[in-house]
N, C-alpha and C. Protein backbone atom coordinates (compact mmCIF):
# COMPACT_ATOMS: atom_id res chain seq x y z
N UNK A 1 62.18 -90.31 88.78
CA UNK A 1 62.23 -91.49 87.96
C UNK A 1 62.64 -92.69 88.78
N UNK A 2 62.22 -93.87 88.35
CA UNK A 2 62.62 -95.12 88.98
C UNK A 2 63.51 -95.88 88.04
N UNK A 3 64.59 -96.47 88.62
CA UNK A 3 65.52 -97.20 87.82
C UNK A 3 65.70 -98.62 88.40
N UNK A 4 66.15 -99.50 87.55
CA UNK A 4 66.30 -100.90 87.97
C UNK A 4 67.74 -101.24 88.39
N UNK A 5 68.71 -100.47 87.94
CA UNK A 5 70.11 -100.79 88.24
C UNK A 5 70.83 -99.55 88.70
N UNK A 6 71.95 -99.81 89.43
CA UNK A 6 72.80 -98.70 89.84
C UNK A 6 73.36 -97.96 88.66
N UNK A 7 73.71 -98.68 87.60
CA UNK A 7 74.28 -98.07 86.44
C UNK A 7 73.34 -97.04 85.82
N UNK A 8 72.04 -97.35 85.81
CA UNK A 8 71.05 -96.45 85.22
C UNK A 8 70.96 -95.16 86.07
N UNK A 9 71.05 -95.33 87.37
CA UNK A 9 70.98 -94.13 88.22
C UNK A 9 72.22 -93.27 87.98
N UNK A 10 73.39 -93.88 87.94
CA UNK A 10 74.62 -93.12 87.77
C UNK A 10 74.63 -92.38 86.40
N UNK A 11 74.17 -93.07 85.39
CA UNK A 11 74.18 -92.47 84.06
C UNK A 11 73.18 -91.36 83.85
N UNK A 12 72.14 -91.32 84.76
CA UNK A 12 71.04 -90.41 84.59
C UNK A 12 71.07 -89.18 85.50
N UNK A 13 72.13 -89.05 86.32
CA UNK A 13 72.16 -87.96 87.27
C UNK A 13 73.48 -87.21 87.25
N UNK A 14 73.51 -86.09 87.97
CA UNK A 14 74.68 -85.23 88.01
C UNK A 14 75.56 -85.59 89.22
N UNK A 15 75.00 -86.19 90.24
CA UNK A 15 75.77 -86.61 91.44
C UNK A 15 74.99 -87.73 92.09
N UNK A 16 75.72 -88.48 92.96
CA UNK A 16 75.13 -89.72 93.51
C UNK A 16 75.25 -89.72 95.07
N UNK A 17 74.16 -90.07 95.71
CA UNK A 17 74.17 -90.32 97.15
C UNK A 17 73.93 -91.84 97.39
N UNK A 18 74.88 -92.44 98.10
CA UNK A 18 74.81 -93.89 98.36
C UNK A 18 74.46 -94.08 99.81
N UNK A 19 73.30 -94.66 100.08
CA UNK A 19 72.80 -94.75 101.46
C UNK A 19 72.41 -96.18 101.82
N UNK A 20 73.03 -97.17 101.22
CA UNK A 20 72.80 -98.53 101.65
C UNK A 20 73.16 -98.65 103.15
N UNK A 21 72.36 -99.44 103.85
CA UNK A 21 72.65 -99.62 105.29
C UNK A 21 73.94 -100.40 105.51
N UNK A 22 74.21 -101.34 104.64
CA UNK A 22 75.48 -102.15 104.82
C UNK A 22 76.64 -101.43 104.15
N UNK A 23 77.67 -101.14 104.93
CA UNK A 23 78.86 -100.51 104.37
C UNK A 23 79.52 -101.34 103.32
N UNK A 24 79.36 -102.63 103.34
CA UNK A 24 79.99 -103.54 102.40
C UNK A 24 79.41 -103.33 100.98
N UNK A 25 78.24 -102.68 100.91
CA UNK A 25 77.63 -102.45 99.60
C UNK A 25 78.00 -101.10 98.95
N UNK A 26 78.81 -100.35 99.65
CA UNK A 26 79.08 -98.97 99.20
C UNK A 26 80.15 -98.84 98.09
N UNK A 27 81.17 -99.74 98.18
CA UNK A 27 82.31 -99.52 97.29
C UNK A 27 81.98 -99.57 95.83
N UNK A 28 81.27 -100.60 95.36
CA UNK A 28 81.03 -100.80 93.91
C UNK A 28 80.34 -99.58 93.28
N UNK A 29 79.21 -99.15 93.85
CA UNK A 29 78.54 -97.95 93.20
C UNK A 29 79.34 -96.65 93.33
N UNK A 30 80.08 -96.55 94.44
CA UNK A 30 80.91 -95.33 94.65
C UNK A 30 81.97 -95.26 93.59
N UNK A 31 82.69 -96.35 93.38
CA UNK A 31 83.75 -96.42 92.36
C UNK A 31 83.15 -96.19 90.98
N UNK A 32 82.03 -96.81 90.70
CA UNK A 32 81.42 -96.63 89.37
C UNK A 32 81.03 -95.17 89.13
N UNK A 33 80.46 -94.53 90.16
CA UNK A 33 80.05 -93.10 89.97
C UNK A 33 81.28 -92.21 89.81
N UNK A 34 82.28 -92.40 90.59
CA UNK A 34 83.49 -91.60 90.51
C UNK A 34 84.17 -91.76 89.11
N UNK A 35 84.21 -93.00 88.66
CA UNK A 35 84.86 -93.28 87.35
C UNK A 35 84.02 -92.63 86.23
N UNK A 36 82.71 -92.41 86.51
CA UNK A 36 81.87 -91.75 85.49
C UNK A 36 81.90 -90.25 85.67
N UNK A 37 82.70 -89.75 86.61
CA UNK A 37 82.83 -88.31 86.82
C UNK A 37 81.69 -87.70 87.61
N UNK A 38 81.00 -88.52 88.41
CA UNK A 38 79.88 -88.02 89.20
C UNK A 38 80.30 -87.88 90.69
N UNK A 39 80.19 -86.69 91.26
CA UNK A 39 80.49 -86.51 92.69
C UNK A 39 79.62 -87.44 93.54
N UNK A 40 80.16 -87.90 94.65
CA UNK A 40 79.55 -88.97 95.45
C UNK A 40 79.49 -88.59 96.93
N UNK A 41 78.33 -88.88 97.51
CA UNK A 41 78.18 -88.93 98.97
C UNK A 41 78.02 -90.38 99.38
N UNK A 42 78.79 -90.86 100.34
CA UNK A 42 78.73 -92.23 100.79
C UNK A 42 78.32 -92.17 102.28
N UNK A 43 77.18 -92.69 102.59
CA UNK A 43 76.66 -92.66 103.98
C UNK A 43 77.53 -93.55 104.89
N UNK A 44 77.36 -93.38 106.20
CA UNK A 44 78.07 -94.24 107.12
C UNK A 44 77.51 -95.65 107.14
N UNK A 45 78.28 -96.64 107.49
CA UNK A 45 79.73 -96.57 107.55
C UNK A 45 80.34 -96.43 106.12
N UNK A 46 81.37 -95.65 105.98
CA UNK A 46 81.90 -95.38 104.67
C UNK A 46 82.16 -96.66 103.86
N UNK A 47 82.84 -97.55 104.44
CA UNK A 47 82.95 -98.95 103.91
C UNK A 47 83.05 -99.90 105.06
N UNK A 48 83.00 -101.18 104.77
CA UNK A 48 83.14 -102.18 105.84
C UNK A 48 84.63 -102.52 106.15
N UNK A 49 85.50 -102.37 105.15
CA UNK A 49 86.90 -102.65 105.41
C UNK A 49 87.79 -101.71 104.70
N UNK A 50 89.05 -101.78 105.04
CA UNK A 50 90.07 -100.81 104.54
C UNK A 50 90.24 -100.93 103.06
N UNK A 51 90.30 -102.15 102.51
CA UNK A 51 90.54 -102.34 101.06
C UNK A 51 89.48 -101.70 100.25
N UNK A 52 88.21 -101.75 100.70
CA UNK A 52 87.11 -101.08 100.00
C UNK A 52 87.25 -99.57 100.00
N UNK A 53 87.66 -99.01 101.13
CA UNK A 53 87.89 -97.56 101.17
C UNK A 53 89.00 -97.17 100.25
N UNK A 54 90.04 -97.96 100.21
CA UNK A 54 91.17 -97.68 99.30
C UNK A 54 90.77 -97.62 97.86
N UNK A 55 89.84 -98.53 97.46
CA UNK A 55 89.39 -98.57 96.09
C UNK A 55 88.63 -97.29 95.72
N UNK A 56 87.81 -96.75 96.65
CA UNK A 56 87.08 -95.52 96.43
C UNK A 56 88.09 -94.37 96.25
N UNK A 57 89.06 -94.33 97.14
CA UNK A 57 90.09 -93.26 97.08
C UNK A 57 90.87 -93.35 95.75
N UNK A 58 91.17 -94.55 95.32
CA UNK A 58 91.89 -94.75 94.02
C UNK A 58 91.10 -94.17 92.88
N UNK A 59 89.77 -94.45 92.89
CA UNK A 59 88.90 -93.91 91.80
C UNK A 59 88.93 -92.39 91.83
N UNK A 60 88.91 -91.82 93.01
CA UNK A 60 88.96 -90.36 93.17
C UNK A 60 90.27 -89.81 92.64
N UNK A 61 91.37 -90.47 92.94
CA UNK A 61 92.69 -90.02 92.50
C UNK A 61 92.81 -90.11 91.00
N UNK A 62 92.24 -91.11 90.38
CA UNK A 62 92.27 -91.31 88.92
C UNK A 62 91.51 -90.22 88.19
N UNK A 63 90.32 -89.94 88.69
CA UNK A 63 89.39 -89.01 88.01
C UNK A 63 89.43 -87.60 88.50
N UNK A 64 89.86 -87.39 89.72
CA UNK A 64 89.76 -86.08 90.36
C UNK A 64 88.40 -85.71 90.78
N UNK A 65 87.42 -86.66 90.67
CA UNK A 65 86.05 -86.40 91.09
C UNK A 65 85.96 -86.43 92.59
N UNK A 66 85.36 -85.45 93.21
CA UNK A 66 85.26 -85.41 94.69
C UNK A 66 84.25 -86.34 95.28
N UNK A 67 84.43 -86.68 96.53
CA UNK A 67 83.50 -87.47 97.30
C UNK A 67 83.47 -86.99 98.72
N UNK A 68 82.43 -87.35 99.46
CA UNK A 68 82.38 -87.05 100.88
C UNK A 68 81.45 -88.11 101.54
N UNK A 69 81.20 -87.96 102.81
CA UNK A 69 80.30 -88.89 103.46
C UNK A 69 80.68 -89.25 104.88
N UNK A 70 80.31 -90.48 105.20
CA UNK A 70 80.50 -90.96 106.58
C UNK A 70 79.40 -90.46 107.47
N UNK A 71 79.61 -90.36 108.74
CA UNK A 71 78.61 -89.92 109.68
C UNK A 71 78.19 -88.48 109.46
N UNK A 72 76.86 -88.28 109.36
CA UNK A 72 76.31 -86.95 109.19
C UNK A 72 76.40 -86.10 110.44
N UNK A 73 76.57 -86.75 111.60
CA UNK A 73 76.50 -86.05 112.87
C UNK A 73 77.63 -85.07 113.05
N UNK A 74 78.79 -85.34 112.42
CA UNK A 74 79.93 -84.47 112.55
C UNK A 74 79.70 -83.08 111.94
N UNK A 75 78.67 -82.98 111.10
CA UNK A 75 78.39 -81.69 110.42
C UNK A 75 77.48 -80.79 111.27
N UNK A 76 76.91 -81.31 112.37
CA UNK A 76 76.03 -80.48 113.20
C UNK A 76 76.78 -79.31 113.77
N UNK A 77 76.22 -78.11 113.74
CA UNK A 77 76.93 -76.94 114.26
C UNK A 77 77.24 -77.05 115.78
N UNK A 78 76.34 -77.79 116.51
CA UNK A 78 76.62 -77.92 117.96
C UNK A 78 77.94 -78.68 118.21
N UNK A 79 78.22 -79.64 117.31
CA UNK A 79 79.42 -80.44 117.46
C UNK A 79 80.66 -79.55 117.21
N UNK A 80 80.59 -78.69 116.21
CA UNK A 80 81.68 -77.78 115.90
C UNK A 80 81.95 -76.85 117.08
N UNK A 81 80.89 -76.38 117.72
CA UNK A 81 81.02 -75.48 118.87
C UNK A 81 81.63 -76.22 120.03
N UNK A 82 81.19 -77.47 120.23
CA UNK A 82 81.67 -78.29 121.38
C UNK A 82 83.13 -78.60 121.24
N UNK A 83 83.59 -78.74 119.98
CA UNK A 83 85.00 -79.07 119.69
C UNK A 83 85.94 -78.02 120.29
N UNK A 84 85.47 -76.79 120.37
CA UNK A 84 86.35 -75.71 120.91
C UNK A 84 86.66 -75.90 122.39
N UNK A 85 85.86 -76.75 123.11
CA UNK A 85 86.12 -77.02 124.53
C UNK A 85 87.12 -78.10 124.75
N UNK A 86 87.44 -78.88 123.70
CA UNK A 86 88.33 -80.02 123.84
C UNK A 86 89.77 -79.55 123.80
N UNK A 87 90.34 -79.31 124.94
CA UNK A 87 91.70 -78.81 125.06
C UNK A 87 92.61 -79.87 125.64
N UNK A 88 93.91 -79.66 125.60
CA UNK A 88 94.86 -80.61 126.27
C UNK A 88 94.41 -80.94 127.72
N UNK A 89 94.40 -82.21 128.07
CA UNK A 89 93.98 -82.65 129.36
C UNK A 89 92.51 -83.02 129.41
N UNK A 90 91.79 -82.85 128.37
CA UNK A 90 90.38 -83.11 128.35
C UNK A 90 90.05 -84.62 128.41
N UNK A 91 88.91 -84.92 129.00
CA UNK A 91 88.35 -86.27 128.97
C UNK A 91 86.99 -86.16 128.34
N UNK A 92 86.86 -86.77 127.16
CA UNK A 92 85.61 -86.65 126.38
C UNK A 92 84.85 -87.97 126.45
N UNK A 93 83.59 -87.90 126.71
CA UNK A 93 82.72 -89.07 126.69
C UNK A 93 81.66 -88.91 125.65
N UNK A 94 81.49 -89.94 124.80
CA UNK A 94 80.53 -89.94 123.74
C UNK A 94 79.59 -91.16 124.03
N UNK A 95 78.33 -90.92 124.26
CA UNK A 95 77.37 -91.96 124.63
C UNK A 95 76.27 -92.00 123.64
N UNK A 96 76.19 -93.08 122.85
CA UNK A 96 75.19 -93.10 121.77
C UNK A 96 74.85 -94.55 121.39
N UNK A 97 74.03 -94.66 120.38
CA UNK A 97 73.45 -95.96 119.96
C UNK A 97 74.41 -96.73 119.06
N UNK A 98 74.49 -98.05 119.26
CA UNK A 98 75.15 -98.99 118.33
C UNK A 98 74.82 -100.38 118.83
N UNK A 99 74.77 -101.31 117.87
CA UNK A 99 74.45 -102.72 118.19
C UNK A 99 75.47 -103.60 117.56
N UNK A 100 76.30 -104.31 118.31
CA UNK A 100 77.30 -105.19 117.72
C UNK A 100 76.67 -106.39 116.96
N UNK A 101 75.40 -106.61 117.17
CA UNK A 101 74.69 -107.71 116.47
C UNK A 101 73.77 -107.18 115.37
N UNK A 102 73.91 -105.93 114.98
CA UNK A 102 73.04 -105.40 113.95
C UNK A 102 73.11 -106.23 112.67
N UNK A 103 71.95 -106.49 112.05
CA UNK A 103 71.92 -107.23 110.81
C UNK A 103 72.52 -106.40 109.65
N UNK A 104 72.78 -105.12 109.92
CA UNK A 104 73.30 -104.26 108.84
C UNK A 104 74.83 -104.07 108.96
N UNK A 105 75.49 -105.05 109.49
CA UNK A 105 76.95 -104.98 109.57
C UNK A 105 77.51 -104.87 110.96
N UNK A 106 76.72 -105.27 111.96
CA UNK A 106 77.25 -105.24 113.34
C UNK A 106 77.49 -103.79 113.84
N UNK A 107 78.53 -103.67 114.69
CA UNK A 107 78.82 -102.38 115.29
C UNK A 107 79.16 -101.29 114.30
N UNK A 108 79.66 -101.73 113.09
CA UNK A 108 80.01 -100.74 112.06
C UNK A 108 78.84 -99.82 111.75
N UNK A 109 77.63 -100.35 111.71
CA UNK A 109 76.51 -99.61 111.18
C UNK A 109 76.24 -98.32 111.91
N UNK A 110 76.04 -98.39 113.25
CA UNK A 110 75.82 -97.16 114.01
C UNK A 110 77.00 -96.72 114.84
N UNK A 111 77.89 -97.67 115.13
CA UNK A 111 79.12 -97.29 115.83
C UNK A 111 79.97 -96.30 115.06
N UNK A 112 79.77 -96.28 113.75
CA UNK A 112 80.49 -95.32 112.90
C UNK A 112 80.26 -93.88 113.36
N UNK A 113 79.03 -93.57 113.84
CA UNK A 113 78.76 -92.24 114.31
C UNK A 113 79.70 -91.85 115.45
N UNK A 114 79.80 -92.70 116.48
CA UNK A 114 80.59 -92.39 117.65
C UNK A 114 82.06 -92.36 117.30
N UNK A 115 82.51 -93.30 116.47
CA UNK A 115 83.94 -93.31 116.09
C UNK A 115 84.33 -92.03 115.35
N UNK A 116 83.50 -91.61 114.43
CA UNK A 116 83.81 -90.35 113.70
C UNK A 116 83.71 -89.13 114.61
N UNK A 117 82.75 -89.12 115.52
CA UNK A 117 82.68 -87.97 116.45
C UNK A 117 83.95 -87.92 117.27
N UNK A 118 84.44 -89.06 117.72
CA UNK A 118 85.68 -89.11 118.53
C UNK A 118 86.81 -88.50 117.69
N UNK A 119 86.94 -88.88 116.45
CA UNK A 119 88.02 -88.31 115.60
C UNK A 119 87.83 -86.83 115.37
N UNK A 120 86.59 -86.41 115.16
CA UNK A 120 86.35 -84.98 114.88
C UNK A 120 86.66 -84.15 116.12
N UNK A 121 86.22 -84.64 117.29
CA UNK A 121 86.39 -83.81 118.53
C UNK A 121 87.82 -83.91 119.07
N UNK A 122 88.38 -85.08 119.01
CA UNK A 122 89.69 -85.26 119.68
C UNK A 122 90.87 -85.39 118.74
N UNK A 123 90.60 -85.67 117.51
CA UNK A 123 91.71 -85.78 116.54
C UNK A 123 91.89 -87.22 116.03
N UNK A 124 92.68 -87.34 114.99
CA UNK A 124 92.93 -88.63 114.38
C UNK A 124 94.24 -89.27 114.91
N UNK A 125 94.91 -88.61 115.79
CA UNK A 125 96.21 -89.05 116.25
C UNK A 125 96.16 -89.82 117.56
N UNK A 126 95.16 -90.68 117.72
CA UNK A 126 95.05 -91.49 118.91
C UNK A 126 96.22 -92.48 118.97
N UNK A 127 96.59 -92.85 120.23
CA UNK A 127 97.75 -93.73 120.42
C UNK A 127 97.31 -95.18 120.58
N UNK A 128 96.27 -95.41 121.35
CA UNK A 128 95.83 -96.79 121.60
C UNK A 128 94.32 -96.85 121.49
N UNK A 129 93.80 -98.04 121.23
CA UNK A 129 92.40 -98.34 121.10
C UNK A 129 92.13 -99.60 121.92
N UNK A 130 91.29 -99.49 122.94
CA UNK A 130 90.94 -100.64 123.75
C UNK A 130 89.43 -100.67 123.91
N UNK A 131 88.81 -101.76 123.50
CA UNK A 131 87.33 -101.86 123.52
C UNK A 131 86.93 -103.17 124.22
N UNK A 132 85.83 -103.05 124.93
CA UNK A 132 85.28 -104.21 125.68
C UNK A 132 83.77 -104.29 125.38
N UNK A 133 83.33 -105.50 125.11
CA UNK A 133 81.90 -105.72 124.88
C UNK A 133 81.31 -106.47 126.07
N UNK A 134 80.22 -105.97 126.59
CA UNK A 134 79.51 -106.65 127.65
C UNK A 134 78.05 -106.79 127.20
N UNK A 135 77.69 -107.99 126.80
CA UNK A 135 76.38 -108.19 126.21
C UNK A 135 76.29 -107.47 124.88
N UNK A 136 75.35 -106.55 124.81
CA UNK A 136 75.20 -105.75 123.59
C UNK A 136 75.77 -104.34 123.74
N UNK A 137 76.38 -104.10 124.88
CA UNK A 137 77.01 -102.76 125.15
C UNK A 137 78.50 -102.84 124.85
N UNK A 138 79.04 -101.74 124.32
CA UNK A 138 80.45 -101.68 124.00
C UNK A 138 81.07 -100.40 124.59
N UNK A 139 82.18 -100.52 125.25
CA UNK A 139 82.89 -99.35 125.73
C UNK A 139 84.27 -99.29 125.07
N UNK A 140 84.67 -98.12 124.64
CA UNK A 140 85.90 -97.96 123.90
C UNK A 140 86.74 -96.85 124.57
N UNK A 141 88.00 -97.15 124.84
CA UNK A 141 88.87 -96.12 125.43
C UNK A 141 89.93 -95.75 124.36
N UNK A 142 89.91 -94.52 123.91
CA UNK A 142 90.91 -94.01 123.02
C UNK A 142 91.87 -93.06 123.79
N UNK A 143 93.13 -93.42 123.74
CA UNK A 143 94.09 -92.53 124.46
C UNK A 143 94.87 -91.74 123.43
N UNK A 144 95.06 -90.48 123.77
CA UNK A 144 95.88 -89.57 123.00
C UNK A 144 97.06 -89.07 123.84
N UNK A 145 97.94 -88.39 123.24
CA UNK A 145 99.11 -87.83 123.98
C UNK A 145 98.68 -86.88 125.03
N UNK A 146 97.60 -86.11 124.76
CA UNK A 146 97.22 -85.05 125.72
C UNK A 146 95.74 -85.07 126.08
N UNK A 147 95.04 -86.14 125.73
CA UNK A 147 93.60 -86.21 126.11
C UNK A 147 93.14 -87.67 126.06
N UNK A 148 91.89 -87.88 126.42
CA UNK A 148 91.33 -89.23 126.43
C UNK A 148 89.90 -89.17 125.99
N UNK A 149 89.43 -90.20 125.29
CA UNK A 149 88.06 -90.28 124.85
C UNK A 149 87.46 -91.59 125.18
N UNK A 150 86.31 -91.56 125.77
CA UNK A 150 85.54 -92.77 126.10
C UNK A 150 84.26 -92.81 125.25
N UNK A 151 84.13 -93.90 124.48
CA UNK A 151 82.90 -94.11 123.71
C UNK A 151 82.09 -95.19 124.39
N UNK A 152 80.82 -94.89 124.62
CA UNK A 152 79.90 -95.85 125.20
C UNK A 152 78.74 -96.08 124.23
N UNK A 153 78.45 -97.29 123.87
CA UNK A 153 77.33 -97.55 122.96
C UNK A 153 76.45 -98.68 123.46
N UNK A 154 75.19 -98.56 123.16
CA UNK A 154 74.21 -99.61 123.48
C UNK A 154 73.04 -99.51 122.53
N UNK A 155 72.46 -100.60 122.11
CA UNK A 155 71.32 -100.58 121.19
C UNK A 155 70.07 -99.92 121.73
N UNK A 156 70.00 -99.71 123.05
CA UNK A 156 68.84 -99.10 123.64
C UNK A 156 69.03 -97.62 123.86
N UNK A 157 70.23 -97.11 123.57
CA UNK A 157 70.51 -95.65 123.75
C UNK A 157 69.95 -94.92 122.57
N UNK A 158 69.03 -93.99 122.73
CA UNK A 158 68.40 -93.28 121.61
C UNK A 158 68.97 -91.94 121.40
N UNK A 159 69.43 -91.27 122.44
CA UNK A 159 69.89 -89.91 122.32
C UNK A 159 71.43 -89.84 122.34
N UNK A 160 71.99 -88.80 121.71
CA UNK A 160 73.40 -88.61 121.67
C UNK A 160 73.80 -87.65 122.82
N UNK A 161 74.63 -88.11 123.71
CA UNK A 161 75.13 -87.32 124.82
C UNK A 161 76.65 -87.25 124.77
N UNK A 162 77.17 -86.02 124.90
CA UNK A 162 78.60 -85.81 124.86
C UNK A 162 78.99 -84.95 126.09
N UNK A 163 80.05 -85.36 126.77
CA UNK A 163 80.57 -84.63 127.91
C UNK A 163 82.04 -84.36 127.74
N UNK A 164 82.46 -83.11 128.04
CA UNK A 164 83.89 -82.77 128.06
C UNK A 164 84.22 -82.33 129.45
N UNK A 165 85.26 -82.97 130.01
CA UNK A 165 85.67 -82.65 131.38
C UNK A 165 87.14 -82.22 131.36
N UNK A 166 87.40 -81.01 131.88
CA UNK A 166 88.76 -80.53 132.08
C UNK A 166 88.80 -79.97 133.48
N UNK A 167 89.01 -78.66 133.62
CA UNK A 167 88.90 -78.04 134.96
C UNK A 167 87.44 -77.86 135.30
N UNK A 168 86.54 -78.06 134.34
CA UNK A 168 85.12 -77.99 134.51
C UNK A 168 84.50 -79.10 133.69
N UNK A 169 83.20 -79.29 133.77
CA UNK A 169 82.58 -80.32 133.00
C UNK A 169 81.39 -79.69 132.21
N UNK A 170 81.36 -80.00 130.93
CA UNK A 170 80.32 -79.49 130.08
C UNK A 170 79.63 -80.65 129.35
N UNK A 171 78.29 -80.67 129.45
CA UNK A 171 77.53 -81.75 128.84
C UNK A 171 76.55 -81.17 127.85
N UNK A 172 76.37 -81.90 126.69
CA UNK A 172 75.30 -81.53 125.77
C UNK A 172 74.56 -82.77 125.32
N UNK A 173 73.25 -82.62 125.24
CA UNK A 173 72.39 -83.61 124.58
C UNK A 173 72.15 -83.03 123.16
N UNK A 174 72.60 -83.77 122.15
CA UNK A 174 72.65 -83.26 120.79
C UNK A 174 71.43 -83.68 120.02
N UNK A 175 70.57 -82.77 119.63
CA UNK A 175 69.47 -83.13 118.71
C UNK A 175 70.03 -83.48 117.32
N UNK A 176 69.64 -84.59 116.78
CA UNK A 176 70.29 -85.07 115.53
C UNK A 176 69.39 -84.97 114.36
N UNK A 177 68.17 -84.45 114.53
CA UNK A 177 67.19 -84.45 113.46
C UNK A 177 67.65 -83.70 112.17
N UNK A 178 68.49 -82.70 112.34
CA UNK A 178 68.91 -81.86 111.18
C UNK A 178 70.20 -82.33 110.54
N UNK A 179 70.75 -83.46 111.00
CA UNK A 179 72.06 -83.87 110.53
C UNK A 179 72.14 -84.01 109.01
N UNK A 180 71.13 -84.65 108.43
CA UNK A 180 71.17 -84.84 107.01
C UNK A 180 71.06 -83.56 106.21
N UNK A 181 70.32 -82.57 106.78
CA UNK A 181 70.24 -81.27 106.13
C UNK A 181 71.59 -80.55 106.02
N UNK A 182 72.35 -80.61 107.13
CA UNK A 182 73.66 -79.98 107.12
C UNK A 182 74.63 -80.75 106.21
N UNK A 183 74.54 -82.08 106.25
CA UNK A 183 75.41 -82.88 105.38
C UNK A 183 75.07 -82.63 103.92
N UNK A 184 73.76 -82.54 103.60
CA UNK A 184 73.37 -82.27 102.22
C UNK A 184 73.89 -80.91 101.74
N UNK A 185 73.89 -79.94 102.62
CA UNK A 185 74.40 -78.64 102.26
C UNK A 185 75.86 -78.68 101.96
N UNK A 186 76.64 -79.47 102.72
CA UNK A 186 78.06 -79.65 102.40
C UNK A 186 78.29 -80.39 101.10
N UNK A 187 77.40 -81.35 100.83
CA UNK A 187 77.51 -82.11 99.59
C UNK A 187 77.30 -81.16 98.39
N UNK A 188 76.25 -80.35 98.50
CA UNK A 188 75.95 -79.41 97.41
C UNK A 188 77.13 -78.46 97.21
N UNK A 189 77.69 -77.98 98.30
CA UNK A 189 78.87 -77.14 98.24
C UNK A 189 80.03 -77.81 97.54
N UNK A 190 80.24 -79.07 97.83
CA UNK A 190 81.29 -79.85 97.20
C UNK A 190 81.03 -79.98 95.69
N UNK A 191 79.78 -80.25 95.31
CA UNK A 191 79.43 -80.37 93.86
C UNK A 191 79.73 -79.07 93.13
N UNK A 192 79.36 -77.92 93.75
CA UNK A 192 79.54 -76.63 93.10
C UNK A 192 81.02 -76.27 92.95
N UNK A 193 81.81 -76.57 93.97
CA UNK A 193 83.21 -76.18 93.96
C UNK A 193 84.12 -77.21 93.29
N UNK A 194 83.65 -78.47 93.26
CA UNK A 194 84.47 -79.55 92.77
C UNK A 194 85.63 -79.92 93.71
N UNK A 195 85.58 -79.42 94.92
CA UNK A 195 86.68 -79.64 95.86
C UNK A 195 86.23 -80.53 97.01
N UNK A 196 87.09 -81.37 97.49
CA UNK A 196 86.86 -82.25 98.58
C UNK A 196 86.60 -81.47 99.85
N UNK A 197 85.63 -81.92 100.67
CA UNK A 197 85.37 -81.30 101.95
C UNK A 197 86.50 -81.60 102.95
N UNK A 198 86.94 -82.86 102.90
CA UNK A 198 88.03 -83.34 103.77
C UNK A 198 89.01 -84.10 102.92
N UNK A 199 90.26 -84.26 103.40
CA UNK A 199 91.20 -85.09 102.65
C UNK A 199 90.70 -86.53 102.49
N UNK A 200 90.98 -87.14 101.41
CA UNK A 200 90.52 -88.50 101.13
C UNK A 200 90.96 -89.45 102.21
N UNK A 201 92.16 -89.25 102.75
CA UNK A 201 92.68 -90.16 103.76
C UNK A 201 91.84 -90.15 105.02
N UNK A 202 91.09 -89.05 105.30
CA UNK A 202 90.26 -89.00 106.46
C UNK A 202 89.25 -90.16 106.47
N UNK A 203 88.67 -90.42 105.32
CA UNK A 203 87.62 -91.48 105.25
C UNK A 203 88.25 -92.85 105.44
N UNK A 204 89.45 -93.04 104.93
CA UNK A 204 90.14 -94.28 105.19
C UNK A 204 90.46 -94.41 106.67
N UNK A 205 90.85 -93.33 107.33
CA UNK A 205 91.16 -93.41 108.75
C UNK A 205 89.95 -93.77 109.59
N UNK A 206 88.76 -93.26 109.17
CA UNK A 206 87.55 -93.62 109.93
C UNK A 206 87.30 -95.18 109.88
N UNK A 207 87.46 -95.72 108.73
CA UNK A 207 87.29 -97.17 108.56
C UNK A 207 88.30 -97.95 109.41
N UNK A 208 89.52 -97.45 109.41
CA UNK A 208 90.59 -98.12 110.22
C UNK A 208 90.21 -98.09 111.69
N UNK A 209 89.74 -96.92 112.18
CA UNK A 209 89.38 -96.83 113.59
C UNK A 209 88.20 -97.77 113.95
N UNK A 210 87.17 -97.77 113.14
CA UNK A 210 86.04 -98.68 113.43
C UNK A 210 86.50 -100.12 113.46
N UNK A 211 87.28 -100.52 112.52
CA UNK A 211 87.74 -101.91 112.48
C UNK A 211 88.66 -102.22 113.68
N UNK A 212 89.47 -101.28 114.15
CA UNK A 212 90.31 -101.47 115.31
C UNK A 212 89.43 -101.70 116.56
N UNK A 213 88.33 -100.95 116.63
CA UNK A 213 87.40 -101.08 117.80
C UNK A 213 86.77 -102.49 117.76
N UNK A 214 86.27 -102.87 116.63
CA UNK A 214 85.62 -104.20 116.56
C UNK A 214 86.61 -105.31 116.80
N UNK A 215 87.83 -105.20 116.25
CA UNK A 215 88.83 -106.22 116.46
C UNK A 215 89.25 -106.30 117.96
N UNK A 216 89.26 -105.12 118.62
CA UNK A 216 89.65 -105.08 119.99
C UNK A 216 88.67 -105.84 120.93
N UNK A 217 87.36 -105.51 120.74
CA UNK A 217 86.42 -106.21 121.64
C UNK A 217 86.19 -107.63 121.21
N UNK A 218 86.36 -107.93 119.97
CA UNK A 218 86.16 -109.32 119.46
C UNK A 218 87.25 -110.23 119.98
N UNK A 219 88.43 -109.67 120.18
CA UNK A 219 89.57 -110.49 120.66
C UNK A 219 89.33 -110.99 122.08
N UNK A 220 88.43 -110.30 122.81
CA UNK A 220 88.21 -110.70 124.18
C UNK A 220 86.99 -111.63 124.33
N UNK A 221 86.27 -111.89 123.25
CA UNK A 221 85.11 -112.70 123.31
C UNK A 221 85.45 -114.21 123.46
């Protein structure tokens, strides 16, 4: 069926997938769906700013309706296997696509993939965030108590490459074509169980990290 408004979609379905390219457009329909008791998937970037993410979480807390979303790449089985190699002392490099001048919200739009992968592989307990922009390329250094992560992005980079270096070096080129299939499977699982895939605060933390990265390189411009 075709609908003219978000409200019509929400009222006519059992669950909602929000895939607007601009993260700033995600909050209103996500909150509306959650308040209507409809489970929600919110594509990356989860939201454009922290306050918007907090509103989605508040709607979840009020209704108990689950949500999920963000970067689909973290659900790829290759990423889960690679995470096992990230031990204390590791240096992780994530090299992927993002454009700080994207018309769909700048670095947030595709940079969300790399930021979430960094959190998934290395953890959410980073200590410092330092980012530098050179032209349309951005490099981000995340320091942890026991490891380090380097994010490299460029609008001309098409493939996802990840390297983990400890006493040895392991590199993977990650095929991303099945990412939505795996994410959709997790979404269906969430709908059936009624349980969150990840804690609500995880999604807030992803937005905080992305904004810290953009603020860091913007401060040097």
